[in-house]
Every structure is written in C-alpha cells, then in structure tokens.
Amino acid sequence: CKNHKGDEICKSLDISKNTLKYYRKSIYSKTRTSSLSELII
C-alpha cells in the first residue's frame, strides 16, 4: 500500500520473490480485494 516495489519488499522482510508472490495471492484472497486501490481502502 505504500507503493514499495517487489524487490524492496523482499529485502525489507528478508523473503524470496516466490514467497512474496504467495503472500500477495493470499492477501488479495483473504481481503476479498482485486486491485491495489481496493487493498488501500
């Protein structure tokens, strides 16, 4: 939501790109959102 890029998120949280991809999918599913705008709200 703070517009950090994928590489920045991985570095900040010490996770791999595949792990980030998994978390992204999980977050959108759990919050029932489908876009960045909806996720921010």
PDB file of all heavy atoms in Angstrom:
ATOM      1  N   CYS A   1       0.816  -1.212   0.000  1.00  0.00           N
ATOM      2  CA  CYS A   1       0.000   0.000   0.000  1.00  0.00           C
ATOM      3  C   CYS A   1       0.853   1.269   0.000  1.00  0.00           C
ATOM      4  O   CYS A   1       0.387   2.332  -0.408  1.00  0.00           O
ATOM      5  CB  CYS A   1      -0.949   0.004   1.198  1.00  0.00           C
ATOM      6  SG  CYS A   1      -2.260  -1.223   1.085  1.00  0.00           S
ATOM      7  N   LYS A   2       2.081   1.151   0.459  1.00  0.00           N
ATOM      8  CA  LYS A   2       2.997   2.297   0.441  1.00  0.00           C
ATOM      9  C   LYS A   2       3.783   2.366  -0.860  1.00  0.00           C
ATOM     10  O   LYS A   2       4.732   3.127  -0.993  1.00  0.00           O
ATOM     11  CB  LYS A   2       3.947   2.215   1.636  1.00  0.00           C
ATOM     12  CG  LYS A   2       3.262   2.461   2.976  1.00  0.00           C
ATOM     13  CD  LYS A   2       4.232   2.313   4.132  1.00  0.00           C
ATOM     14  CE  LYS A   2       3.519   2.538   5.468  1.00  0.00           C
ATOM     15  NZ  LYS A   2       4.442   2.351   6.620  1.00  0.00           N
ATOM     16  N   ASN A   3       3.351   1.545  -1.834  1.00  0.00           N
ATOM     17  CA  ASN A   3       3.906   1.569  -3.188  1.00  0.00           C
ATOM     18  C   ASN A   3       5.343   1.087  -3.269  1.00  0.00           C
ATOM     19  O   ASN A   3       6.097   1.484  -4.149  1.00  0.00           O
ATOM     20  CB  ASN A   3       3.797   2.981  -3.781  1.00  0.00           C
ATOM     21  CG  ASN A   3       3.666   2.952  -5.292  1.00  0.00           C
ATOM     22  OD1 ASN A   3       3.165   1.995  -5.861  1.00  0.00           O
ATOM     23  ND2 ASN A   3       4.124   4.000  -5.946  1.00  0.00           N
ATOM     24  N   HIS A   4       5.733   0.198  -2.340  1.00  0.00           N
ATOM     25  CA  HIS A   4       7.066  -0.400  -2.404  1.00  0.00           C
ATOM     26  C   HIS A   4       7.096  -1.443  -3.513  1.00  0.00           C
ATOM     27  O   HIS A   4       6.138  -2.176  -3.719  1.00  0.00           O
ATOM     28  CB  HIS A   4       7.432  -1.053  -1.069  1.00  0.00           C
ATOM     29  CG  HIS A   4       7.781  -0.066  -0.007  1.00  0.00           C
ATOM     30  ND1 HIS A   4       8.970  -0.114   0.683  1.00  0.00           N
ATOM     31  CD2 HIS A   4       7.119   1.004   0.477  1.00  0.00           C
ATOM     32  CE1 HIS A   4       9.017   0.883   1.561  1.00  0.00           C
ATOM     33  NE2 HIS A   4       7.894   1.568   1.459  1.00  0.00           N
ATOM     34  N   LYS A   5       8.205  -1.516  -4.223  1.00  0.00           N
ATOM     35  CA  LYS A   5       8.368  -2.491  -5.288  1.00  0.00           C
ATOM     36  C   LYS A   5       8.661  -3.874  -4.699  1.00  0.00           C
ATOM     37  O   LYS A   5       9.058  -4.009  -3.545  1.00  0.00           O
ATOM     38  CB  LYS A   5       9.507  -2.076  -6.220  1.00  0.00           C
ATOM     39  CG  LYS A   5       9.341  -0.674  -6.818  1.00  0.00           C
ATOM     40  CD  LYS A   5       8.050  -0.564  -7.607  1.00  0.00           C
ATOM     41  CE  LYS A   5       7.916   0.839  -8.225  1.00  0.00           C
ATOM     42  NZ  LYS A   5       6.617   1.022  -8.903  1.00  0.00           N
ATOM     43  N   GLY A   6       8.501  -4.896  -5.545  1.00  0.00           N
ATOM     44  CA  GLY A   6       8.705  -6.262  -5.091  1.00  0.00           C
ATOM     45  C   GLY A   6      10.072  -6.506  -4.477  1.00  0.00           C
ATOM     46  O   GLY A   6      10.193  -7.115  -3.406  1.00  0.00           O
ATOM     47  N   ASP A   7      11.120  -6.016  -5.145  1.00  0.00           N
ATOM     48  CA  ASP A   7      12.481  -6.215  -4.642  1.00  0.00           C
ATOM     49  C   ASP A   7      12.672  -5.541  -3.282  1.00  0.00           C
ATOM     50  O   ASP A   7      13.355  -6.077  -2.403  1.00  0.00           O
ATOM     51  CB  ASP A   7      13.504  -5.663  -5.632  1.00  0.00           C
ATOM     52  CG  ASP A   7      13.602  -6.510  -6.899  1.00  0.00           C
ATOM     53  OD1 ASP A   7      13.134  -7.671  -6.857  1.00  0.00           O
ATOM     54  OD2 ASP A   7      14.130  -6.024  -7.904  1.00  0.00           O
ATOM     55  N   GLU A   8      12.054  -4.383  -3.124  1.00  0.00           N
ATOM     56  CA  GLU A   8      12.173  -3.648  -1.861  1.00  0.00           C
ATOM     57  C   GLU A   8      11.480  -4.403  -0.729  1.00  0.00           C
ATOM     58  O   GLU A   8      11.993  -4.470   0.393  1.00  0.00           O
ATOM     59  CB  GLU A   8      11.556  -2.251  -2.004  1.00  0.00           C
ATOM     60  CG  GLU A   8      12.285  -1.351  -2.981  1.00  0.00           C
ATOM     61  CD  GLU A   8      11.564  -0.042  -3.233  1.00  0.00           C
ATOM     62  OE1 GLU A   8      10.320  -0.015  -3.093  1.00  0.00           O
ATOM     63  OE2 GLU A   8      12.233   0.936  -3.572  1.00  0.00           O
ATOM     64  N   ILE A   9      10.325  -4.987  -1.035  1.00  0.00           N
ATOM     65  CA  ILE A   9       9.583  -5.749  -0.025  1.00  0.00           C
ATOM     66  C   ILE A   9      10.372  -6.987   0.384  1.00  0.00           C
ATOM     67  O   ILE A   9      10.492  -7.300   1.574  1.00  0.00           O
ATOM     68  CB  ILE A   9       8.189  -6.140  -0.553  1.00  0.00           C
ATOM     69  CG1 ILE A   9       7.348  -4.884  -0.834  1.00  0.00           C
ATOM     70  CG2 ILE A   9       7.465  -7.049   0.451  1.00  0.00           C
ATOM     71  CD1 ILE A   9       6.014  -5.169  -1.497  1.00  0.00           C
ATOM     72  N   CYS A  10      10.920  -7.685  -0.611  1.00  0.00           N
ATOM     73  CA  CYS A  10      11.696  -8.890  -0.320  1.00  0.00           C
ATOM     74  C   CYS A  10      12.898  -8.569   0.561  1.00  0.00           C
ATOM     75  O   CYS A  10      13.189  -9.291   1.525  1.00  0.00           O
ATOM     76  CB  CYS A  10      12.179  -9.535  -1.621  1.00  0.00           C
ATOM     77  SG  CYS A  10      10.864 -10.301  -2.586  1.00  0.00           S
ATOM     78  N   LYS A  11      13.577  -7.494   0.247  1.00  0.00           N
ATOM     79  CA  LYS A  11      14.756  -7.103   1.018  1.00  0.00           C
ATOM     80  C   LYS A  11      14.370  -6.672   2.425  1.00  0.00           C
ATOM     81  O   LYS A  11      15.024  -7.045   3.413  1.00  0.00           O
ATOM     82  CB  LYS A  11      15.488  -5.961   0.310  1.00  0.00           C
ATOM     83  CG  LYS A  11      16.780  -5.545   0.992  1.00  0.00           C
ATOM     84  CD  LYS A  11      17.493  -4.464   0.188  1.00  0.00           C
ATOM     85  CE  LYS A  11      18.788  -4.046   0.887  1.00  0.00           C
ATOM     86  NZ  LYS A  11      19.509  -2.999   0.100  1.00  0.00           N
ATOM     87  N   SER A  12      13.296  -5.890   2.540  1.00  0.00           N
ATOM     88  CA  SER A  12      12.861  -5.382   3.833  1.00  0.00           C
ATOM     89  C   SER A  12      12.428  -6.501   4.771  1.00  0.00           C
ATOM     90  O   SER A  12      12.710  -6.470   5.982  1.00  0.00           O
ATOM     91  CB  SER A  12      11.711  -4.393   3.648  1.00  0.00           C
ATOM     92  OG  SER A  12      11.220  -3.930   4.881  1.00  0.00           O
ATOM     93  N   LEU A  13      11.740  -7.508   4.229  1.00  0.00           N
ATOM     94  CA  LEU A  13      11.199  -8.592   5.053  1.00  0.00           C
ATOM     95  C   LEU A  13      12.046  -9.867   4.994  1.00  0.00           C
ATOM     96  O   LEU A  13      11.707 -10.854   5.650  1.00  0.00           O
ATOM     97  CB  LEU A  13       9.759  -8.903   4.617  1.00  0.00           C
ATOM     98  CG  LEU A  13       8.762  -7.740   4.724  1.00  0.00           C
ATOM     99  CD1 LEU A  13       7.397  -8.166   4.204  1.00  0.00           C
ATOM    100  CD2 LEU A  13       8.651  -7.236   6.156  1.00  0.00           C
ATOM    101  N   ASP A  14      13.108  -9.803   4.210  1.00  0.00           N
ATOM    102  CA  ASP A  14      14.024 -10.946   4.071  1.00  0.00           C
ATOM    103  C   ASP A  14      13.274 -12.199   3.601  1.00  0.00           C
ATOM    104  O   ASP A  14      13.347 -13.264   4.218  1.00  0.00           O
ATOM    105  CB  ASP A  14      14.751 -11.226   5.395  1.00  0.00           C
ATOM    106  CG  ASP A  14      15.933 -12.182   5.217  1.00  0.00           C
ATOM    107  OD1 ASP A  14      16.458 -12.255   4.093  1.00  0.00           O
ATOM    108  OD2 ASP A  14      16.309 -12.849   6.199  1.00  0.00           O
ATOM    109  N   ILE A  15      12.540 -12.036   2.511  1.00  0.00           N
ATOM    110  CA  ILE A  15      11.810 -13.161   1.926  1.00  0.00           C
ATOM    111  C   ILE A  15      12.147 -13.251   0.447  1.00  0.00           C
ATOM    112  O   ILE A  15      12.616 -12.291  -0.165  1.00  0.00           O
ATOM    113  CB  ILE A  15      10.280 -13.018   2.100  1.00  0.00           C
ATOM    114  CG1 ILE A  15       9.780 -11.714   1.463  1.00  0.00           C
ATOM    115  CG2 ILE A  15       9.892 -13.094   3.579  1.00  0.00           C
ATOM    116  CD1 ILE A  15       8.280 -11.526   1.523  1.00  0.00           C
ATOM    117  N   SER A  16      11.895 -14.402  -0.161  1.00  0.00           N
ATOM    118  CA  SER A  16      12.178 -14.596  -1.576  1.00  0.00           C
ATOM    119  C   SER A  16      11.031 -14.066  -2.434  1.00  0.00           C
ATOM    120  O   SER A  16       9.934 -13.793  -1.936  1.00  0.00           O
ATOM    121  CB  SER A  16      12.378 -16.080  -1.870  1.00  0.00           C
ATOM    122  OG  SER A  16      11.147 -16.780  -1.741  1.00  0.00           O
ATOM    123  N   LYS A  17      11.276 -13.948  -3.745  1.00  0.00           N
ATOM    124  CA  LYS A  17      10.244 -13.480  -4.661  1.00  0.00           C
ATOM    125  C   LYS A  17       9.072 -14.460  -4.722  1.00  0.00           C
ATOM    126  O   LYS A  17       7.910 -14.046  -4.827  1.00  0.00           O
ATOM    127  CB  LYS A  17      10.829 -13.273  -6.059  1.00  0.00           C
ATOM    128  CG  LYS A  17      11.774 -12.087  -6.143  1.00  0.00           C
ATOM    129  CD  LYS A  17      12.255 -11.871  -7.567  1.00  0.00           C
ATOM    130  CE  LYS A  17      13.167 -10.662  -7.655  1.00  0.00           C
ATOM    131  NZ  LYS A  17      13.664 -10.421  -9.027  1.00  0.00           N
ATOM    132  N   ASN A  18       9.373 -15.746  -4.664  1.00  0.00           N
ATOM    133  CA  ASN A  18       8.299 -16.753  -4.681  1.00  0.00           C
ATOM    134  C   ASN A  18       7.439 -16.664  -3.429  1.00  0.00           C
ATOM    135  O   ASN A  18       6.215 -16.817  -3.487  1.00  0.00           O
ATOM    136  CB  ASN A  18       8.890 -18.155  -4.813  1.00  0.00           C
ATOM    137  CG  ASN A  18       9.364 -18.457  -6.222  1.00  0.00           C
ATOM    138  OD1 ASN A  18       8.889 -17.846  -7.183  1.00  0.00           O
ATOM    139  ND2 ASN A  18      10.299 -19.382  -6.357  1.00  0.00           N
ATOM    140  N   THR A  19       8.097 -16.398  -2.279  1.00  0.00           N
ATOM    141  CA  THR A  19       7.352 -16.249  -1.025  1.00  0.00           C
ATOM    142  C   THR A  19       6.468 -15.017  -1.083  1.00  0.00           C
ATOM    143  O   THR A  19       5.303 -15.035  -0.656  1.00  0.00           O
ATOM    144  CB  THR A  19       8.315 -16.138   0.165  1.00  0.00           C
ATOM    145  OG1 THR A  19       9.124 -17.309   0.229  1.00  0.00           O
ATOM    146  CG2 THR A  19       7.549 -16.002   1.480  1.00  0.00           C
ATOM    147  N   LEU A  20       6.996 -13.926  -1.632  1.00  0.00           N
ATOM    148  CA  LEU A  20       6.214 -12.697  -1.772  1.00  0.00           C
ATOM    149  C   LEU A  20       5.007 -12.939  -2.673  1.00  0.00           C
ATOM    150  O   LEU A  20       3.900 -12.476  -2.387  1.00  0.00           O
ATOM    151  CB  LEU A  20       7.083 -11.581  -2.341  1.00  0.00           C
ATOM    152  CG  LEU A  20       6.348 -10.268  -2.654  1.00  0.00           C
ATOM    153  CD1 LEU A  20       5.690  -9.694  -1.407  1.00  0.00           C
ATOM    154  CD2 LEU A  20       7.325  -9.253  -3.262  1.00  0.00           C
ATOM    155  N   LYS A  21       5.223 -13.669  -3.765  1.00  0.00           N
ATOM    156  CA  LYS A  21       4.126 -13.983  -4.679  1.00  0.00           C
ATOM    157  C   LYS A  21       3.017 -14.745  -3.958  1.00  0.00           C
ATOM    158  O   LYS A  21       1.829 -14.476  -4.151  1.00  0.00           O
ATOM    159  CB  LYS A  21       4.661 -14.800  -5.853  1.00  0.00           C
ATOM    160  CG  LYS A  21       3.622 -15.091  -6.926  1.00  0.00           C
ATOM    161  CD  LYS A  21       4.247 -15.855  -8.097  1.00  0.00           C
ATOM    162  CE  LYS A  21       3.222 -16.149  -9.173  1.00  0.00           C
ATOM    163  NZ  LYS A  21       3.818 -16.889 -10.320  1.00  0.00           N
ATOM    164  N   TYR A  22       3.415 -15.664  -3.099  1.00  0.00           N
ATOM    165  CA  TYR A  22       2.446 -16.442  -2.329  1.00  0.00           C
ATOM    166  C   TYR A  22       1.657 -15.520  -1.391  1.00  0.00           C
ATOM    167  O   TYR A  22       0.431 -15.606  -1.288  1.00  0.00           O
ATOM    168  CB  TYR A  22       3.159 -17.524  -1.518  1.00  0.00           C
ATOM    169  CG  TYR A  22       2.285 -18.173  -0.471  1.00  0.00           C
ATOM    170  CD1 TYR A  22       1.389 -19.185  -0.803  1.00  0.00           C
ATOM    171  CD2 TYR A  22       2.318 -17.740   0.860  1.00  0.00           C
ATOM    172  CE1 TYR A  22       0.568 -19.753   0.153  1.00  0.00           C
ATOM    173  CE2 TYR A  22       1.500 -18.307   1.818  1.00  0.00           C
ATOM    174  CZ  TYR A  22       0.631 -19.307   1.466  1.00  0.00           C
ATOM    175  OH  TYR A  22      -0.178 -19.866   2.410  1.00  0.00           O
ATOM    176  N   TYR A  23       2.378 -14.640  -0.689  1.00  0.00           N
ATOM    177  CA  TYR A  23       1.718 -13.747   0.260  1.00  0.00           C
ATOM    178  C   TYR A  23       0.762 -12.787  -0.456  1.00  0.00           C
ATOM    179  O   TYR A  23      -0.333 -12.499   0.037  1.00  0.00           O
ATOM    180  CB  TYR A  23       2.745 -12.958   1.066  1.00  0.00           C
ATOM    181  CG  TYR A  23       3.417 -13.754   2.166  1.00  0.00           C
ATOM    182  CD1 TYR A  23       4.787 -13.652   2.383  1.00  0.00           C
ATOM    183  CD2 TYR A  23       2.685 -14.603   2.989  1.00  0.00           C
ATOM    184  CE1 TYR A  23       5.406 -14.374   3.401  1.00  0.00           C
ATOM    185  CE2 TYR A  23       3.291 -15.335   3.999  1.00  0.00           C
ATOM    186  CZ  TYR A  23       4.654 -15.217   4.199  1.00  0.00           C
ATOM    187  OH  TYR A  23       5.267 -15.934   5.202  1.00  0.00           O
ATOM    188  N   ARG A  24       1.176 -12.281  -1.604  1.00  0.00           N
ATOM    189  CA  ARG A  24       0.305 -11.379  -2.369  1.00  0.00           C
ATOM    190  C   ARG A  24      -1.021 -12.068  -2.703  1.00  0.00           C
ATOM    191  O   ARG A  24      -2.099 -11.495  -2.505  1.00  0.00           O
ATOM    192  CB  ARG A  24       0.990 -10.968  -3.682  1.00  0.00           C
ATOM    193  CG  ARG A  24       2.028  -9.867  -3.567  1.00  0.00           C
ATOM    194  CD  ARG A  24       2.577  -9.556  -4.953  1.00  0.00           C
ATOM    195  NE  ARG A  24       3.629  -8.572  -4.943  1.00  0.00           N
ATOM    196  CZ  ARG A  24       3.431  -7.254  -5.029  1.00  0.00           C
ATOM    197  NH1 ARG A  24       2.210  -6.785  -5.102  1.00  0.00           N
ATOM    198  NH2 ARG A  24       4.469  -6.435  -5.028  1.00  0.00           N
ATOM    199  N   LYS A  25      -0.923 -13.276  -3.217  1.00  0.00           N
ATOM    200  CA  LYS A  25      -2.118 -14.031  -3.595  1.00  0.00           C
ATOM    201  C   LYS A  25      -2.989 -14.277  -2.378  1.00  0.00           C
ATOM    202  O   LYS A  25      -4.224 -14.136  -2.436  1.00  0.00           O
ATOM    203  CB  LYS A  25      -1.709 -15.355  -4.239  1.00  0.00           C
ATOM    204  CG  LYS A  25      -2.883 -16.181  -4.734  1.00  0.00           C
ATOM    205  CD  LYS A  25      -2.398 -17.444  -5.443  1.00  0.00           C
ATOM    206  CE  LYS A  25      -3.571 -18.280  -5.946  1.00  0.00           C
ATOM    207  NZ  LYS A  25      -3.119 -19.519  -6.641  1.00  0.00           N
ATOM    208  N   SER A  26      -2.369 -14.629  -1.258  1.00  0.00           N
ATOM    209  CA  SER A  26      -3.111 -14.900  -0.031  1.00  0.00           C
ATOM    210  C   SER A  26      -3.810 -13.648   0.494  1.00  0.00           C
ATOM    211  O   SER A  26      -4.970 -13.694   0.914  1.00  0.00           O
ATOM    212  CB  SER A  26      -2.152 -15.441   1.037  1.00  0.00           C
ATOM    213  OG  SER A  26      -2.832 -15.642   2.260  1.00  0.00           O
ATOM    214  N   ILE A  27      -3.110 -12.523   0.449  1.00  0.00           N
ATOM    215  CA  ILE A  27      -3.661 -11.260   0.951  1.00  0.00           C
ATOM    216  C   ILE A  27      -4.889 -10.848   0.145  1.00  0.00           C
ATOM    217  O   ILE A  27      -5.936 -10.505   0.697  1.00  0.00           O
ATOM    218  CB  ILE A  27      -2.593 -10.154   0.921  1.00  0.00           C
ATOM    219  CG1 ILE A  27      -1.541 -10.409   1.997  1.00  0.00           C
ATOM    220  CG2 ILE A  27      -3.231  -8.773   1.129  1.00  0.00           C
ATOM    221  CD1 ILE A  27      -0.297  -9.565   1.850  1.00  0.00           C
ATOM    222  N   TYR A  28      -4.774 -10.872  -1.185  1.00  0.00           N
ATOM    223  CA  TYR A  28      -5.910 -10.487  -2.022  1.00  0.00           C
ATOM    224  C   TYR A  28      -7.094 -11.426  -1.817  1.00  0.00           C
ATOM    225  O   TYR A  28      -8.259 -11.005  -1.837  1.00  0.00           O
ATOM    226  CB  TYR A  28      -5.499 -10.462  -3.498  1.00  0.00           C
ATOM    227  CG  TYR A  28      -4.810  -9.181  -3.914  1.00  0.00           C
ATOM    228  CD1 TYR A  28      -3.436  -9.146  -4.147  1.00  0.00           C
ATOM    229  CD2 TYR A  28      -5.525  -8.004  -4.065  1.00  0.00           C
ATOM    230  CE1 TYR A  28      -2.800  -7.975  -4.518  1.00  0.00           C
ATOM    231  CE2 TYR A  28      -4.906  -6.820  -4.441  1.00  0.00           C
ATOM    232  CZ  TYR A  28      -3.534  -6.816  -4.667  1.00  0.00           C
ATOM    233  OH  TYR A  28      -2.911  -5.641  -5.035  1.00  0.00           O
ATOM    234  N   SER A  29      -6.801 -12.701  -1.596  1.00  0.00           N
ATOM    235  CA  SER A  29      -7.865 -13.668  -1.372  1.00  0.00           C
ATOM    236  C   SER A  29      -8.562 -13.426  -0.041  1.00  0.00           C
ATOM    237  O   SER A  29      -9.795 -13.383   0.035  1.00  0.00           O
ATOM    238  CB  SER A  29      -7.287 -15.085  -1.407  1.00  0.00           C
ATOM    239  OG  SER A  29      -8.277 -16.044  -1.073  1.00  0.00           O
ATOM    240  N   LYS A  30      -7.781 -13.251   1.020  1.00  0.00           N
ATOM    241  CA  LYS A  30      -8.353 -13.089   2.359  1.00  0.00           C
ATOM    242  C   LYS A  30      -9.110 -11.767   2.517  1.00  0.00           C
ATOM    243  O   LYS A  30     -10.097 -11.697   3.253  1.00  0.00           O
ATOM    244  CB  LYS A  30      -7.253 -13.181   3.407  1.00  0.00           C
ATOM    245  CG  LYS A  30      -6.696 -14.590   3.611  1.00  0.00           C
ATOM    246  CD  LYS A  30      -5.631 -14.606   4.690  1.00  0.00           C
ATOM    247  CE  LYS A  30      -5.108 -16.016   4.935  1.00  0.00           C
ATOM    248  NZ  LYS A  30      -4.056 -16.038   6.000  1.00  0.00           N
ATOM    249  N   THR A  31      -8.635 -10.713   1.857  1.00  0.00           N
ATOM    250  CA  THR A  31      -9.291  -9.414   1.983  1.00  0.00           C
ATOM    251  C   THR A  31     -10.396  -9.218   0.955  1.00  0.00           C
ATOM    252  O   THR A  31     -11.078  -8.204   0.953  1.00  0.00           O
ATOM    253  CB  THR A  31      -8.269  -8.271   1.839  1.00  0.00           C
ATOM    254  OG1 THR A  31      -7.634  -8.365   0.552  1.00  0.00           O
ATOM    255  CG2 THR A  31      -7.203  -8.334   2.927  1.00  0.00           C
ATOM    256  N   ARG A  32     -10.518 -10.203   0.058  1.00  0.00           N
ATOM    257  CA  ARG A  32     -11.548 -10.151  -0.991  1.00  0.00           C
ATOM    258  C   ARG A  32     -11.428  -8.886  -1.831  1.00  0.00           C
ATOM    259  O   ARG A  32     -12.421  -8.254  -2.196  1.00  0.00           O
ATOM    260  CB  ARG A  32     -12.951 -10.253  -0.376  1.00  0.00           C
ATOM    261  CG  ARG A  32     -13.192 -11.552   0.363  1.00  0.00           C
ATOM    262  CD  ARG A  32     -14.563 -11.593   0.989  1.00  0.00           C
ATOM    263  NE  ARG A  32     -14.725 -12.742   1.862  1.00  0.00           N
ATOM    264  CZ  ARG A  32     -15.772 -12.939   2.650  1.00  0.00           C
ATOM    265  NH1 ARG A  32     -16.764 -12.068   2.657  1.00  0.00           N
ATOM    266  NH2 ARG A  32     -15.834 -14.012   3.421  1.00  0.00           N
ATOM    267  N   THR A  33     -10.202  -8.516  -2.125  1.00  0.00           N
ATOM    268  CA  THR A  33      -9.942  -7.369  -2.987  1.00  0.00           C
ATOM    269  C   THR A  33      -9.300  -7.877  -4.274  1.00  0.00           C
ATOM    270  O   THR A  33      -8.731  -8.965  -4.303  1.00  0.00           O
ATOM    271  CB  THR A  33      -9.006  -6.354  -2.309  1.00  0.00           C
ATOM    272  OG1 THR A  33      -7.787  -7.014  -1.917  1.00  0.00           O
ATOM    273  CG2 THR A  33      -9.661  -5.748  -1.074  1.00  0.00           C
ATOM    274  N   SER A  34      -9.376  -7.056  -5.319  1.00  0.00           N
ATOM    275  CA  SER A  34      -8.831  -7.491  -6.605  1.00  0.00           C
ATOM    276  C   SER A  34      -7.935  -6.446  -7.252  1.00  0.00           C
ATOM    277  O   SER A  34      -7.464  -6.639  -8.367  1.00  0.00           O
ATOM    278  CB  SER A  34      -9.974  -7.839  -7.567  1.00  0.00           C
ATOM    279  OG  SER A  34     -10.833  -6.726  -7.739  1.00  0.00           O
ATOM    280  N   SER A  35      -7.720  -5.308  -6.556  1.00  0.00           N
ATOM    281  CA  SER A  35      -6.864  -4.268  -7.112  1.00  0.00           C
ATOM    282  C   SER A  35      -6.142  -3.551  -5.980  1.00  0.00           C
ATOM    283  O   SER A  35      -6.541  -3.635  -4.809  1.00  0.00           O
ATOM    284  CB  SER A  35      -7.685  -3.248  -7.904  1.00  0.00           C
ATOM    285  OG  SER A  35      -8.509  -2.500  -7.026  1.00  0.00           O
ATOM    286  N   LEU A  36      -5.084  -2.823  -6.325  1.00  0.00           N
ATOM    287  CA  LEU A  36      -4.339  -2.059  -5.331  1.00  0.00           C
ATOM    288  C   LEU A  36      -5.230  -1.012  -4.676  1.00  0.00           C
ATOM    289  O   LEU A  36      -5.155  -0.784  -3.468  1.00  0.00           O
ATOM    290  CB  LEU A  36      -3.129  -1.383  -5.991  1.00  0.00           C
ATOM    291  CG  LEU A  36      -2.295  -0.457  -5.094  1.00  0.00           C
ATOM    292  CD1 LEU A  36      -1.741  -1.215  -3.897  1.00  0.00           C
ATOM    293  CD2 LEU A  36      -1.169   0.182  -5.894  1.00  0.00           C
ATOM    294  N   SER A  37      -6.087  -0.388  -5.468  1.00  0.00           N
ATOM    295  CA  SER A  37      -6.984   0.643  -4.930  1.00  0.00           C
ATOM    296  C   SER A  37      -7.883   0.074  -3.834  1.00  0.00           C
ATOM    297  O   SER A  37      -8.043   0.679  -2.776  1.00  0.00           O
ATOM    298  CB  SER A  37      -7.845   1.231  -6.051  1.00  0.00           C
ATOM    299  OG  SER A  37      -7.039   1.775  -7.061  1.00  0.00           O
ATOM    300  N   GLU A  38      -8.485  -1.079  -4.100  1.00  0.00           N
ATOM    301  CA  GLU A  38      -9.355  -1.707  -3.107  1.00  0.00           C
ATOM    302  C   GLU A  38      -8.560  -2.115  -1.871  1.00  0.00           C
ATOM    303  O   GLU A  38      -9.047  -1.991  -0.743  1.00  0.00           O
ATOM    304  CB  GLU A  38     -10.046  -2.933  -3.717  1.00  0.00           C
ATOM    305  CG  GLU A  38     -11.058  -2.600  -4.799  1.00  0.00           C
ATOM    306  CD  GLU A  38     -11.666  -3.859  -5.415  1.00  0.00           C
ATOM    307  OE1 GLU A  38     -11.187  -4.960  -5.084  1.00  0.00           O
ATOM    308  OE2 GLU A  38     -12.597  -3.723  -6.223  1.00  0.00           O
ATOM    309  N   LEU A  39      -7.336  -2.585  -2.090  1.00  0.00           N
ATOM    310  CA  LEU A  39      -6.489  -3.005  -0.975  1.00  0.00           C
ATOM    311  C   LEU A  39      -6.130  -1.820  -0.082  1.00  0.00           C
ATOM    312  O   LEU A  39      -6.105  -1.934   1.144  1.00  0.00           O
ATOM    313  CB  LEU A  39      -5.218  -3.674  -1.510  1.00  0.00           C
ATOM    314  CG  LEU A  39      -4.410  -4.502  -0.503  1.00  0.00           C
ATOM    315  CD1 LEU A  39      -5.242  -5.683   0.010  1.00  0.00           C
ATOM    316  CD2 LEU A  39      -3.124  -5.010  -1.154  1.00  0.00           C
ATOM    317  N   ILE A  40      -5.857  -0.664  -0.695  1.00  0.00           N
ATOM    318  CA  ILE A  40      -5.535   0.545   0.066  1.00  0.00           C
ATOM    319  C   ILE A  40      -6.718   0.970   0.924  1.00  0.00           C
ATOM    320  O   ILE A  40      -6.567   1.290   2.110  1.00  0.00           O
ATOM    321  CB  ILE A  40      -5.119   1.688  -0.887  1.00  0.00           C
ATOM    322  CG1 ILE A  40      -3.758   1.381  -1.515  1.00  0.00           C
ATOM    323  CG2 ILE A  40      -5.059   3.020  -0.134  1.00  0.00           C
ATOM    324  CD1 ILE A  40      -3.387   2.320  -2.650  1.00  0.00           C
ATOM    325  N   ILE A  41      -7.909   0.983   0.336  1.00  0.00           N
ATOM    326  CA  ILE A  41      -9.111   1.357   1.084  1.00  0.00           C
ATOM    327  C   ILE A  41      -9.322   0.395   2.253  1.00  0.00           C
ATOM    328  O   ILE A  41      -9.643   0.807   3.376  1.00  0.00           O
ATOM    329  CB  ILE A  41     -10.358   1.352   0.173  1.00  0.00           C
ATOM    330  CG1 ILE A  41     -10.207   2.415  -0.932  1.00  0.00           C
ATOM    331  CG2 ILE A  41     -11.616   1.606   0.992  1.00  0.00           C
ATOM    332  CD1 ILE A  41     -10.080   3.828  -0.447  1.00  0.00           C
TER     333      ILE A  41
END
